[in-house]
Amino acid sequence: MTSVLAAALGAQASLLRPEVAEYVAGVPSTGGAACSEGAPSPVAGSGQPRRGVGEGLFTRAGSPLRGLLALARPLVGPGLLITRWERDVPFRIVNAPTGSAALAAHRSFCFEGGEQVAEDVLVPTGRPGGLLDLLGRERRIEVALRASATEAGHLLLESTGVRVRLGRAHVPLPGLLGVSVRVEGGFDDELGRHTIAARIANPLVGTVLAYTGWFEYRYED
């Protein structure tokens, strides 16, 4: 089963360094951890993808806007806005493939002031490099992404447009009201760990969400 990210990258997937390529492909490492309580277990030998779990540390994470972002929660819904801005933030991400049509991610930021969660679902567009990222628990914000491989063999996701879902309507946001998204996933040879750097920004208010750090990745049934 081809992963959503690998399908979007197409031939560019071959340009990724091996550790990043394995992450993108969703190929389990040998000796994966046992499944956690309440998690669905695939039938042995069925070829059903396993969920990936990453745990690590952000050297800096959250939003400089902090509590001001709460004003936008009625529009965007839960599971999206992060209202803290701290250093050395432990985090956990769970990537759960849902067949071949989507990849759901659940990110837990363990701030000193309490845990906050950001969720999204990646779906393919059928165009080379094309992905649609549905943000938040209610998927009200839709970000069109372009997936590519960098010269260093990292995975790069960059936004090409943003829409907000209002009832049945999907309304494109103009530049000043929209956001730009850039996410780069790599690997640190010295640490032997995956790296991540992400920034979501608005032309008027600046950084809406950013995080940079490292994580270790495993697979669970």
C-alpha atoms as a PDB file:
ATOM      1  CA  MET A   1       0.000   0.000   0.000  1.00  0.00           C
ATOM      2  CA  THR A   2       1.523   3.331  -1.042  1.00  0.00           C
ATOM      3  CA  SER A   3       1.461   6.027   1.626  1.00  0.00           C
ATOM      4  CA  VAL A   4      -0.222   9.371   1.006  1.00  0.00           C
ATOM      5  CA  LEU A   5       3.119  11.213   1.172  1.00  0.00           C
ATOM      6  CA  ALA A   6       4.919   8.753  -1.100  1.00  0.00           C
ATOM      7  CA  ALA A   7       2.095   8.932  -3.647  1.00  0.00           C
ATOM      8  CA  ALA A   8       2.278  12.730  -3.710  1.00  0.00           C
ATOM      9  CA  LEU A   9       6.063  12.754  -4.106  1.00  0.00           C
ATOM     10  CA  GLY A  10       6.058  10.220  -6.916  1.00  0.00           C
ATOM     11  CA  ALA A  11       9.514   9.921  -8.491  1.00  0.00           C
ATOM     12  CA  GLN A  12      10.881  12.536  -6.076  1.00  0.00           C
ATOM     13  CA  ALA A  13      10.598  10.000  -3.265  1.00  0.00           C
ATOM     14  CA  SER A  14      13.779   8.399  -4.625  1.00  0.00           C
ATOM     15  CA  LEU A  15      15.670  11.634  -3.813  1.00  0.00           C
ATOM     16  CA  LEU A  16      14.992  11.359  -0.075  1.00  0.00           C
ATOM     17  CA  ARG A  17      17.706  10.163   2.260  1.00  0.00           C
ATOM     18  CA  PRO A  18      16.974   6.600   3.501  1.00  0.00           C
ATOM     19  CA  GLU A  19      15.723   7.529   6.977  1.00  0.00           C
ATOM     20  CA  VAL A  20      13.325  10.136   5.614  1.00  0.00           C
ATOM     21  CA  ALA A  21      12.216   7.795   2.824  1.00  0.00           C
ATOM     22  CA  GLU A  22      11.313   5.147   5.405  1.00  0.00           C
ATOM     23  CA  TYR A  23       9.310   7.700   7.389  1.00  0.00           C
ATOM     24  CA  VAL A  24       7.482   8.850   4.253  1.00  0.00           C
ATOM     25  CA  ALA A  25       6.773   5.304   3.093  1.00  0.00           C
ATOM     26  CA  GLY A  26       5.439   4.209   6.466  1.00  0.00           C
ATOM     27  CA  VAL A  27       7.558   1.031   6.346  1.00  0.00           C
ATOM     28  CA  PRO A  28       7.735  -0.443   9.860  1.00  0.00           C
ATOM     29  CA  SER A  29      11.140  -0.969  11.448  1.00  0.00           C
ATOM     30  CA  THR A  30      11.766  -4.491  12.759  1.00  0.00           C
ATOM     31  CA  GLY A  31      10.727  -5.075  16.333  1.00  0.00           C
ATOM     32  CA  GLY A  32       7.963  -2.454  16.474  1.00  0.00           C
ATOM     33  CA  ALA A  33       6.415  -1.643  19.837  1.00  0.00           C
ATOM     34  CA  ALA A  34       3.274  -3.376  21.056  1.00  0.00           C
ATOM     35  CA  CYS A  35      -0.022  -1.696  20.358  1.00  0.00           C
ATOM     36  CA  SER A  36      -1.330   0.728  22.950  1.00  0.00           C
ATOM     37  CA  GLU A  37      -4.574   0.198  24.839  1.00  0.00           C
ATOM     38  CA  GLY A  38      -7.602   0.897  22.720  1.00  0.00           C
ATOM     39  CA  ALA A  39      -5.714   1.039  19.411  1.00  0.00           C
ATOM     40  CA  PRO A  40      -7.111  -1.084  16.542  1.00  0.00           C
ATOM     41  CA  SER A  41      -4.912  -4.059  15.647  1.00  0.00           C
ATOM     42  CA  PRO A  42      -4.511  -5.095  11.994  1.00  0.00           C
ATOM     43  CA  VAL A  43      -4.884  -8.744  11.087  1.00  0.00           C
ATOM     44  CA  ALA A  44      -1.487 -10.417  10.835  1.00  0.00           C
ATOM     45  CA  GLY A  45      -0.302 -10.634   7.277  1.00  0.00           C
ATOM     46  CA  SER A  46      -3.101  -8.427   6.023  1.00  0.00           C
ATOM     47  CA  GLY A  47      -0.741  -5.716   4.779  1.00  0.00           C
ATOM     48  CA  GLN A  48      -2.753  -3.087   6.665  1.00  0.00           C
ATOM     49  CA  PRO A  49      -0.514  -0.112   7.573  1.00  0.00           C
ATOM     50  CA  ARG A  50       0.556   0.372  11.172  1.00  0.00           C
ATOM     51  CA  ARG A  51       0.352   3.712  12.917  1.00  0.00           C
ATOM     52  CA  GLY A  52       3.566   5.632  13.515  1.00  0.00           C
ATOM     53  CA  VAL A  53       4.371   7.221  16.870  1.00  0.00           C
ATOM     54  CA  GLY A  54       6.990   9.922  17.295  1.00  0.00           C
ATOM     55  CA  GLU A  55       8.192  11.250  20.652  1.00  0.00           C
ATOM     56  CA  GLY A  56      10.757  13.981  21.118  1.00  0.00           C
ATOM     57  CA  LEU A  57      11.501  17.544  22.133  1.00  0.00           C
ATOM     58  CA  PHE A  58      10.806  20.895  20.523  1.00  0.00           C
ATOM     59  CA  THR A  59      13.518  23.438  21.310  1.00  0.00           C
ATOM     60  CA  ARG A  60      10.833  26.076  20.755  1.00  0.00           C
ATOM     61  CA  ALA A  61       7.141  25.560  20.091  1.00  0.00           C
ATOM     62  CA  GLY A  62       3.817  27.345  20.020  1.00  0.00           C
ATOM     63  CA  SER A  63       2.812  30.829  18.987  1.00  0.00           C
ATOM     64  CA  PRO A  64       4.153  34.268  19.960  1.00  0.00           C
ATOM     65  CA  LEU A  65       0.521  35.430  19.736  1.00  0.00           C
ATOM     66  CA  ARG A  66      -0.339  33.186  22.696  1.00  0.00           C
ATOM     67  CA  GLY A  67      -3.825  33.802  24.101  1.00  0.00           C
ATOM     68  CA  LEU A  68      -4.789  36.181  21.311  1.00  0.00           C
ATOM     69  CA  LEU A  69      -5.321  33.148  19.082  1.00  0.00           C
ATOM     70  CA  ALA A  70      -8.217  32.041  21.266  1.00  0.00           C
ATOM     71  CA  LEU A  71     -10.245  34.806  19.613  1.00  0.00           C
ATOM     72  CA  ALA A  72     -10.175  32.827  16.359  1.00  0.00           C
ATOM     73  CA  ARG A  73     -11.346  29.546  17.893  1.00  0.00           C
ATOM     74  CA  PRO A  74     -15.061  30.082  17.077  1.00  0.00           C
ATOM     75  CA  LEU A  75     -14.074  30.271  13.387  1.00  0.00           C
ATOM     76  CA  VAL A  76     -11.490  27.476  13.117  1.00  0.00           C
ATOM     77  CA  GLY A  77     -12.849  25.096  15.778  1.00  0.00           C
ATOM     78  CA  PRO A  78     -10.966  22.904  18.292  1.00  0.00           C
ATOM     79  CA  GLY A  79      -7.753  20.944  17.778  1.00  0.00           C
ATOM     80  CA  LEU A  80      -5.819  23.587  15.875  1.00  0.00           C
ATOM     81  CA  LEU A  81      -4.824  26.740  17.762  1.00  0.00           C
ATOM     82  CA  ILE A  82      -1.841  26.585  20.128  1.00  0.00           C
ATOM     83  CA  THR A  83      -1.875  29.378  22.704  1.00  0.00           C
ATOM     84  CA  ARG A  84       1.480  28.848  24.469  1.00  0.00           C
ATOM     85  CA  TRP A  85       5.023  29.822  23.449  1.00  0.00           C
ATOM     86  CA  GLU A  86       7.722  27.910  25.335  1.00  0.00           C
ATOM     87  CA  ARG A  87      11.167  26.352  25.055  1.00  0.00           C
ATOM     88  CA  ASP A  88      12.064  22.677  25.534  1.00  0.00           C
ATOM     89  CA  VAL A  89       8.565  21.307  24.969  1.00  0.00           C
ATOM     90  CA  PRO A  90       8.155  17.503  24.997  1.00  0.00           C
ATOM     91  CA  PHE A  91       5.781  16.314  22.298  1.00  0.00           C
ATOM     92  CA  ARG A  92       4.143  13.235  20.828  1.00  0.00           C
ATOM     93  CA  ILE A  93       2.764  12.711  17.344  1.00  0.00           C
ATOM     94  CA  VAL A  94       0.631   9.811  16.162  1.00  0.00           C
ATOM     95  CA  ASN A  95       0.306   9.272  12.398  1.00  0.00           C
ATOM     96  CA  ALA A  96      -2.613   6.991  11.604  1.00  0.00           C
ATOM     97  CA  PRO A  97      -3.094   5.906   7.967  1.00  0.00           C
ATOM     98  CA  THR A  98      -6.732   5.457   7.048  1.00  0.00           C
ATOM     99  CA  GLY A  99      -6.574   3.122   4.077  1.00  0.00           C
ATOM    100  CA  SER A 100      -4.838   4.658   1.077  1.00  0.00           C
ATOM    101  CA  ALA A 101      -6.901   7.838   1.111  1.00  0.00           C
ATOM    102  CA  ALA A 102      -5.678   9.817   4.119  1.00  0.00           C
ATOM    103  CA  LEU A 103      -3.128  10.211   6.895  1.00  0.00           C
ATOM    104  CA  ALA A 104      -4.439  11.553  10.203  1.00  0.00           C
ATOM    105  CA  ALA A 105      -1.991  13.210  12.611  1.00  0.00           C
ATOM    106  CA  HIS A 106      -2.533  13.966  16.303  1.00  0.00           C
ATOM    107  CA  ARG A 107       0.132  16.203  17.921  1.00  0.00           C
ATOM    108  CA  SER A 108       0.355  16.660  21.683  1.00  0.00           C
ATOM    109  CA  PHE A 109       2.411  19.604  22.967  1.00  0.00           C
ATOM    110  CA  CYS A 110       3.331  19.103  26.643  1.00  0.00           C
ATOM    111  CA  PHE A 111       3.673  22.710  27.790  1.00  0.00           C
ATOM    112  CA  GLU A 112       4.411  23.650  31.386  1.00  0.00           C
ATOM    113  CA  GLY A 113       0.973  25.251  31.448  1.00  0.00           C
ATOM    114  CA  GLY A 114      -0.717  22.030  30.291  1.00  0.00           C
ATOM    115  CA  GLU A 115      -1.107  19.867  27.202  1.00  0.00           C
ATOM    116  CA  GLN A 116      -2.434  21.333  23.955  1.00  0.00           C
ATOM    117  CA  VAL A 117      -3.352  19.400  20.824  1.00  0.00           C
ATOM    118  CA  ALA A 118      -3.214  20.091  17.086  1.00  0.00           C
ATOM    119  CA  GLU A 119      -4.801  17.720  14.581  1.00  0.00           C
ATOM    120  CA  ASP A 120      -4.903  17.445  10.806  1.00  0.00           C
ATOM    121  CA  VAL A 121      -5.637  15.018   7.992  1.00  0.00           C
ATOM    122  CA  LEU A 122      -3.621  14.798   4.767  1.00  0.00           C
ATOM    123  CA  VAL A 123      -5.469  13.684   1.641  1.00  0.00           C
ATOM    124  CA  PRO A 124      -4.138  13.316  -1.926  1.00  0.00           C
ATOM    125  CA  THR A 125      -5.270  15.607  -4.724  1.00  0.00           C
ATOM    126  CA  GLY A 126      -4.227  13.342  -7.583  1.00  0.00           C
ATOM    127  CA  ARG A 127      -1.855  15.993  -8.945  1.00  0.00           C
ATOM    128  CA  PRO A 128       1.950  15.559  -8.871  1.00  0.00           C
ATOM    129  CA  GLY A 129       3.184  16.789  -5.489  1.00  0.00           C
ATOM    130  CA  GLY A 130      -0.349  17.765  -4.478  1.00  0.00           C
ATOM    131  CA  LEU A 131      -1.826  17.308  -1.000  1.00  0.00           C
ATOM    132  CA  LEU A 132      -4.733  18.846   0.864  1.00  0.00           C
ATOM    133  CA  ASP A 133      -4.244  19.362   4.604  1.00  0.00           C
ATOM    134  CA  LEU A 134      -7.492  19.543   6.589  1.00  0.00           C
ATOM    135  CA  LEU A 135      -6.701  21.339   9.850  1.00  0.00           C
ATOM    136  CA  GLY A 136      -8.348  21.022  13.246  1.00  0.00           C
ATOM    137  CA  ARG A 137     -10.786  18.528  14.670  1.00  0.00           C
ATOM    138  CA  GLU A 138     -13.626  19.862  12.528  1.00  0.00           C
ATOM    139  CA  ARG A 139     -11.466  20.296   9.367  1.00  0.00           C
ATOM    140  CA  ARG A 140     -12.668  23.850   8.773  1.00  0.00           C
ATOM    141  CA  ILE A 141      -9.336  25.118   7.389  1.00  0.00           C
ATOM    142  CA  GLU A 142      -8.033  23.538   4.163  1.00  0.00           C
ATOM    143  CA  VAL A 143      -4.438  24.145   3.077  1.00  0.00           C
ATOM    144  CA  ALA A 144      -3.248  23.078  -0.375  1.00  0.00           C
ATOM    145  CA  LEU A 145       0.330  21.777  -0.127  1.00  0.00           C
ATOM    146  CA  ARG A 146       3.109  20.931  -2.552  1.00  0.00           C
ATOM    147  CA  ALA A 147       5.376  18.036  -1.504  1.00  0.00           C
ATOM    148  CA  SER A 148       8.972  17.844  -2.729  1.00  0.00           C
ATOM    149  CA  ALA A 149      12.442  16.588  -1.822  1.00  0.00           C
ATOM    150  CA  THR A 150      15.193  19.069  -0.912  1.00  0.00           C
ATOM    151  CA  GLU A 151      18.822  18.845  -2.057  1.00  0.00           C
ATOM    152  CA  ALA A 152      19.657  17.434   1.382  1.00  0.00           C
ATOM    153  CA  GLY A 153      17.121  14.639   0.898  1.00  0.00           C
ATOM    154  CA  HIS A 154      14.568  16.088   3.311  1.00  0.00           C
ATOM    155  CA  LEU A 155      10.799  16.136   2.894  1.00  0.00           C
ATOM    156  CA  LEU A 156       9.467  19.639   2.206  1.00  0.00           C
ATOM    157  CA  LEU A 157       5.793  20.670   2.352  1.00  0.00           C
ATOM    158  CA  GLU A 158       4.876  24.199   1.227  1.00  0.00           C
ATOM    159  CA  SER A 159       1.441  25.796   0.974  1.00  0.00           C
ATOM    160  CA  THR A 160      -0.012  27.006  -2.312  1.00  0.00           C
ATOM    161  CA  GLY A 161      -3.426  28.193  -1.084  1.00  0.00           C
ATOM    162  CA  VAL A 162      -5.840  28.274   1.867  1.00  0.00           C
ATOM    163  CA  ARG A 163      -9.613  27.882   2.090  1.00  0.00           C
ATOM    164  CA  VAL A 164     -12.060  28.048   4.995  1.00  0.00           C
ATOM    165  CA  ARG A 165     -15.129  25.814   5.090  1.00  0.00           C
ATOM    166  CA  LEU A 166     -18.326  27.721   5.908  1.00  0.00           C
ATOM    167  CA  GLY A 167     -21.189  25.255   5.841  1.00  0.00           C
ATOM    168  CA  ARG A 168     -21.070  23.667   2.385  1.00  0.00           C
ATOM    169  CA  ALA A 169     -18.997  26.512   0.920  1.00  0.00           C
ATOM    170  CA  HIS A 170     -15.207  26.383   0.612  1.00  0.00           C
ATOM    171  CA  VAL A 171     -14.043  29.996   0.537  1.00  0.00           C
ATOM    172  CA  PRO A 172     -10.481  30.853  -0.618  1.00  0.00           C
ATOM    173  CA  LEU A 173      -8.735  33.277   1.729  1.00  0.00           C
ATOM    174  CA  PRO A 174      -6.971  36.278   0.158  1.00  0.00           C
ATOM    175  CA  GLY A 175      -3.293  36.809   0.879  1.00  0.00           C
ATOM    176  CA  LEU A 176      -3.642  39.135   3.876  1.00  0.00           C
ATOM    177  CA  LEU A 177      -6.137  36.840   5.606  1.00  0.00           C
ATOM    178  CA  GLY A 178      -4.491  33.554   4.689  1.00  0.00           C
ATOM    179  CA  VAL A 179      -1.412  31.773   5.982  1.00  0.00           C
ATOM    180  CA  SER A 180       1.748  30.348   4.491  1.00  0.00           C
ATOM    181  CA  VAL A 181       2.879  26.923   5.645  1.00  0.00           C
ATOM    182  CA  ARG A 182       6.369  25.428   5.476  1.00  0.00           C
ATOM    183  CA  VAL A 183       7.305  22.082   7.012  1.00  0.00           C
ATOM    184  CA  GLU A 184      10.663  20.346   6.597  1.00  0.00           C
ATOM    185  CA  GLY A 185      11.359  16.860   7.902  1.00  0.00           C
ATOM    186  CA  GLY A 186      14.923  15.578   7.959  1.00  0.00           C
ATOM    187  CA  PHE A 187      17.371  13.426   9.908  1.00  0.00           C
ATOM    188  CA  ASP A 188      20.312  14.298  12.168  1.00  0.00           C
ATOM    189  CA  ASP A 189      23.208  11.861  11.701  1.00  0.00           C
ATOM    190  CA  GLU A 190      24.951  12.833  14.952  1.00  0.00           C
ATOM    191  CA  LEU A 191      21.851  12.384  17.097  1.00  0.00           C
ATOM    192  CA  GLY A 192      20.475   9.513  15.023  1.00  0.00           C
ATOM    193  CA  ARG A 193      17.032  11.131  15.235  1.00  0.00           C
ATOM    194  CA  HIS A 194      14.435  12.609  12.938  1.00  0.00           C
ATOM    195  CA  THR A 195      14.199  16.403  12.800  1.00  0.00           C
ATOM    196  CA  ILE A 196      11.247  18.687  12.134  1.00  0.00           C
ATOM    197  CA  ALA A 197      10.902  22.410  11.504  1.00  0.00           C
ATOM    198  CA  ALA A 198       7.508  23.978  10.817  1.00  0.00           C
ATOM    199  CA  ARG A 199       6.139  27.504  10.540  1.00  0.00           C
ATOM    200  CA  ILE A 200       2.655  28.794   9.810  1.00  0.00           C
ATOM    201  CA  ALA A 201       2.586  32.553   9.281  1.00  0.00           C
ATOM    202  CA  ASN A 202       0.172  35.328   8.357  1.00  0.00           C
ATOM    203  CA  PRO A 203       1.344  38.469   6.475  1.00  0.00           C
ATOM    204  CA  LEU A 204      -0.281  40.772   9.054  1.00  0.00           C
ATOM    205  CA  VAL A 205       0.396  39.161  12.435  1.00  0.00           C
ATOM    206  CA  GLY A 206       3.476  37.053  11.685  1.00  0.00           C
ATOM    207  CA  THR A 207       4.011  33.586  13.153  1.00  0.00           C
ATOM    208  CA  VAL A 208       0.779  31.784  14.014  1.00  0.00           C
ATOM    209  CA  LEU A 209       2.427  28.452  14.893  1.00  0.00           C
ATOM    210  CA  ALA A 210       6.031  27.276  14.827  1.00  0.00           C
ATOM    211  CA  TYR A 211       7.995  24.355  16.176  1.00  0.00           C
ATOM    212  CA  THR A 212      11.525  23.025  15.703  1.00  0.00           C
ATOM    213  CA  GLY A 213      13.052  19.937  17.247  1.00  0.00           C
ATOM    214  CA  TRP A 214      13.814  16.237  17.054  1.00  0.00           C
ATOM    215  CA  PHE A 215      11.928  12.984  17.591  1.00  0.00           C
ATOM    216  CA  GLU A 216      12.368   9.237  17.616  1.00  0.00           C
ATOM    217  CA  TYR A 217       9.880   7.208  15.588  1.00  0.00           C
ATOM    218  CA  ARG A 218       8.397   3.746  15.975  1.00  0.00           C
ATOM    219  CA  TYR A 219       5.436   1.751  14.682  1.00  0.00           C
ATOM    220  CA  GLU A 220       2.575   0.248  16.626  1.00  0.00           C
ATOM    221  CA  ASP A 221      -0.175  -2.197  15.633  1.00  0.00           C
END
